[in-house]
N, C-alpha and C. Protein backbone atom coordinates (compact mmCIF):
# COMPACT_ATOMS: atom_id res chain seq x y z
N MET A 1 9.16 -16.91 -18.55
CA MET A 1 7.72 -16.86 -18.14
C MET A 1 7.78 -16.03 -16.49
N THR A 2 7.40 -15.13 -16.24
CA THR A 2 7.30 -14.47 -15.09
C THR A 2 5.82 -15.05 -14.22
N HIS A 3 5.82 -15.22 -13.02
CA HIS A 3 4.76 -15.41 -12.27
C HIS A 3 4.47 -14.11 -11.53
N PRO A 4 3.35 -13.63 -11.05
CA PRO A 4 3.24 -12.60 -10.38
C PRO A 4 3.41 -12.70 -9.01
N THR A 5 3.65 -11.62 -8.36
CA THR A 5 4.08 -11.80 -6.88
C THR A 5 2.89 -12.16 -5.95
N PRO A 6 3.05 -13.14 -4.99
CA PRO A 6 1.74 -13.43 -4.22
C PRO A 6 1.25 -12.16 -3.63
N ILE A 7 -0.16 -12.25 -3.47
CA ILE A 7 -0.72 -11.23 -2.75
C ILE A 7 -0.66 -11.48 -0.96
N GLU A 8 -0.03 -10.78 -0.30
CA GLU A 8 -0.11 -10.88 1.10
C GLU A 8 -1.64 -10.30 1.61
N ASP A 9 -2.23 -10.79 2.62
CA ASP A 9 -3.36 -10.30 3.29
C ASP A 9 -2.76 -9.58 4.39
N VAL A 10 -3.20 -8.41 4.78
CA VAL A 10 -2.95 -7.49 6.12
C VAL A 10 -4.41 -6.93 6.69
N THR A 11 -4.51 -7.41 7.87
CA THR A 11 -5.86 -7.08 8.63
C THR A 11 -5.58 -5.68 9.31
N ILE A 12 -6.35 -4.90 8.98
CA ILE A 12 -6.44 -3.35 9.57
C ILE A 12 -7.18 -2.98 10.64
N GLY A 13 -8.10 -4.12 10.87
CA GLY A 13 -9.09 -4.01 12.11
C GLY A 13 -10.13 -2.91 11.86
N GLY A 14 -10.54 -2.51 10.78
CA GLY A 14 -11.52 -1.48 10.49
C GLY A 14 -11.90 -1.56 9.29
N ASP A 15 -12.70 -0.63 8.64
CA ASP A 15 -12.85 -0.55 7.15
C ASP A 15 -12.33 0.33 6.47
N VAL A 16 -11.37 1.14 6.90
CA VAL A 16 -10.62 2.26 5.88
C VAL A 16 -9.53 2.42 6.64
N ILE A 17 -8.34 2.68 5.70
CA ILE A 17 -7.09 3.35 6.44
C ILE A 17 -6.60 4.08 5.40
N ARG A 18 -5.91 5.25 5.90
CA ARG A 18 -5.05 6.22 4.80
C ARG A 18 -3.78 5.37 4.44
N LEU A 19 -3.46 5.59 2.94
CA LEU A 19 -2.49 4.94 2.22
C LEU A 19 -1.30 4.95 2.87
N GLY A 20 -0.68 6.34 3.49
CA GLY A 20 0.51 6.67 4.34
C GLY A 20 0.62 5.71 5.55
N GLN A 21 -0.71 5.57 6.30
CA GLN A 21 -0.75 4.95 7.43
C GLN A 21 -0.50 3.46 7.34
N PHE A 22 -1.09 2.92 6.06
CA PHE A 22 -1.19 1.44 5.94
C PHE A 22 0.18 1.18 5.37
N LEU A 23 1.22 1.83 4.65
CA LEU A 23 2.54 1.52 4.33
C LEU A 23 3.24 1.23 5.37
N LYS A 24 3.18 2.15 6.30
CA LYS A 24 3.92 1.68 7.78
C LYS A 24 3.44 0.66 8.52
N PHE A 25 2.02 0.52 8.56
CA PHE A 25 1.26 -0.37 9.27
C PHE A 25 1.58 -1.77 8.63
N ALA A 26 1.88 -2.09 7.54
CA ALA A 26 1.97 -3.18 6.81
C ALA A 26 3.51 -3.46 6.61
N GLY A 27 4.28 -2.89 7.17
CA GLY A 27 5.82 -2.98 6.99
C GLY A 27 6.45 -2.60 5.81
N PHE A 28 5.95 -1.91 4.80
CA PHE A 28 6.70 -1.61 3.79
C PHE A 28 7.78 -0.45 4.00
N LEU A 29 7.20 0.49 4.84
CA LEU A 29 8.35 1.42 5.12
C LEU A 29 8.30 1.82 6.79
N ASP A 30 9.30 2.28 7.07
CA ASP A 30 9.49 2.66 8.45
C ASP A 30 9.16 3.95 9.06
N SER A 31 9.11 4.92 8.29
CA SER A 31 8.89 6.40 8.78
C SER A 31 8.26 6.98 7.68
N GLY A 32 7.38 8.12 8.43
CA GLY A 32 6.67 9.00 7.25
C GLY A 32 7.51 9.68 6.28
N GLY A 33 8.87 10.07 6.66
CA GLY A 33 9.51 10.89 5.73
C GLY A 33 9.51 9.56 4.39
N GLN A 34 9.95 8.38 4.48
CA GLN A 34 10.18 7.34 3.81
C GLN A 34 8.55 7.08 3.01
N VAL A 35 7.77 7.28 3.73
CA VAL A 35 6.28 7.06 2.97
C VAL A 35 6.20 8.34 1.84
N LYS A 36 6.47 9.53 2.54
CA LYS A 36 6.10 10.56 1.52
C LYS A 36 7.03 10.56 0.55
N ASP A 37 7.99 10.19 0.49
CA ASP A 37 8.92 10.05 -0.74
C ASP A 37 8.65 8.86 -1.71
N ALA A 38 8.47 7.97 -1.25
CA ALA A 38 7.83 6.99 -1.90
C ALA A 38 6.80 7.17 -2.74
N ILE A 39 5.82 7.63 -2.16
CA ILE A 39 4.41 7.98 -2.69
C ILE A 39 4.62 9.51 -3.69
N ALA A 40 5.40 10.23 -3.53
CA ALA A 40 5.91 11.36 -4.33
C ALA A 40 6.72 11.16 -5.60
N GLU A 41 7.52 10.13 -5.38
CA GLU A 41 8.22 9.86 -6.39
C GLU A 41 7.43 8.41 -7.39
N GLY A 42 6.13 8.32 -7.12
CA GLY A 42 5.28 7.48 -7.90
C GLY A 42 5.67 6.04 -7.82
N HIS A 43 6.19 5.65 -6.54
CA HIS A 43 6.69 4.06 -6.63
C HIS A 43 5.35 3.24 -5.94
N VAL A 44 4.48 3.62 -5.38
CA VAL A 44 3.30 3.36 -4.71
C VAL A 44 2.18 3.00 -5.71
N MET A 45 1.47 1.73 -6.02
CA MET A 45 0.55 1.57 -6.67
C MET A 45 -0.68 1.12 -5.86
N VAL A 46 -1.97 1.61 -6.28
CA VAL A 46 -3.09 0.92 -5.53
C VAL A 46 -3.96 0.61 -6.80
N ASN A 47 -4.24 -0.67 -6.55
CA ASN A 47 -5.15 -1.36 -7.23
C ASN A 47 -4.47 -1.23 -8.98
N GLY A 48 -3.13 -1.37 -9.07
CA GLY A 48 -2.51 -1.33 -10.25
C GLY A 48 -2.31 -0.15 -10.93
N GLU A 49 -2.47 1.03 -10.16
CA GLU A 49 -2.30 2.58 -10.77
C GLU A 49 -1.44 3.16 -9.73
N VAL A 50 -0.52 3.98 -9.99
CA VAL A 50 0.29 4.56 -9.50
C VAL A 50 -0.77 5.85 -8.80
N ASP A 51 -0.39 6.14 -7.17
CA ASP A 51 -1.22 7.02 -6.56
C ASP A 51 -0.26 7.77 -5.66
N LEU A 52 -0.33 9.00 -5.91
CA LEU A 52 0.18 10.20 -5.12
C LEU A 52 -0.13 10.69 -4.31
N ARG A 53 -1.35 10.25 -3.44
CA ARG A 53 -2.30 10.83 -2.47
C ARG A 53 -1.97 10.07 -1.43
N ARG A 54 -1.00 10.70 -0.11
CA ARG A 54 -0.60 9.75 0.91
C ARG A 54 -2.11 9.69 1.74
N GLY A 55 -2.93 10.80 1.60
CA GLY A 55 -4.12 10.73 2.46
C GLY A 55 -5.27 9.83 1.95
N ARG A 56 -5.09 9.13 0.67
CA ARG A 56 -6.12 8.40 0.06
C ARG A 56 -6.84 7.52 0.99
N GLN A 57 -7.93 7.19 0.92
CA GLN A 57 -8.46 6.26 1.82
C GLN A 57 -8.51 4.86 1.30
N LEU A 58 -7.98 3.99 1.80
CA LEU A 58 -8.02 2.58 1.23
C LEU A 58 -9.38 1.77 1.73
N GLN A 59 -9.87 1.15 0.92
CA GLN A 59 -10.90 0.49 0.97
C GLN A 59 -10.52 -1.21 1.29
N LEU A 60 -11.63 -1.91 1.96
CA LEU A 60 -11.23 -3.33 2.09
C LEU A 60 -11.20 -3.90 0.67
N GLY A 61 -10.14 -4.81 0.55
CA GLY A 61 -9.93 -5.42 -1.01
C GLY A 61 -8.99 -4.74 -1.63
N ASP A 62 -8.65 -3.39 -1.40
CA ASP A 62 -7.70 -2.60 -2.23
C ASP A 62 -6.16 -3.33 -2.35
N ILE A 63 -5.41 -3.19 -3.29
CA ILE A 63 -4.16 -3.80 -3.24
C ILE A 63 -3.03 -2.84 -3.62
N VAL A 64 -2.12 -3.01 -2.42
CA VAL A 64 -1.28 -1.91 -2.63
C VAL A 64 -0.07 -2.45 -2.95
N THR A 65 0.97 -1.94 -3.93
CA THR A 65 2.00 -2.55 -4.63
C THR A 65 3.20 -1.49 -4.43
N LEU A 66 4.44 -2.15 -3.65
CA LEU A 66 5.60 -1.27 -3.74
C LEU A 66 6.81 -2.18 -3.82
N GLU A 67 7.66 -1.98 -4.48
CA GLU A 67 8.93 -2.44 -4.61
C GLU A 67 8.75 -4.17 -4.84
N GLY A 68 7.70 -4.29 -5.76
CA GLY A 68 7.38 -5.72 -5.91
C GLY A 68 6.35 -6.39 -5.05
N ARG A 69 6.25 -6.02 -3.97
CA ARG A 69 5.24 -6.58 -2.82
C ARG A 69 4.07 -6.28 -2.90
N ARG A 70 2.94 -7.02 -2.80
CA ARG A 70 1.80 -6.99 -3.23
C ARG A 70 0.89 -7.25 -1.87
N VAL A 71 0.25 -6.47 -1.37
CA VAL A 71 -0.46 -6.37 0.10
C VAL A 71 -2.00 -6.10 -0.23
N ARG A 72 -2.93 -6.86 0.29
CA ARG A 72 -4.32 -6.62 0.05
C ARG A 72 -4.62 -6.21 1.37
N VAL A 73 -5.66 -5.27 1.48
CA VAL A 73 -6.23 -4.71 2.70
C VAL A 73 -7.39 -5.68 3.07
N CYS A 74 -7.33 -6.04 4.36
CA CYS A 74 -8.44 -6.84 4.93
C CYS A 74 -8.84 -6.59 6.02
N PRO A 75 -10.10 -6.84 6.60
CA PRO A 75 -10.92 -6.45 7.71
C PRO A 75 -10.24 -7.04 9.10
């Protein structure tokens, strides 16, 4: 029986942030190139669905998943 990965909260200090920015801000990836590749290759999920848009506007409460790590966008 597997248990879901716990969700970490990351405070962005505002109401919205772009997916590419959030991946770096939350410490998922270090560079824009890594972000671009991870998104283009379909490794990034937002609210349980693969999202290929680096510029997607994340809203408060959205959950971003990459390599088993789940992070919620918080104010």
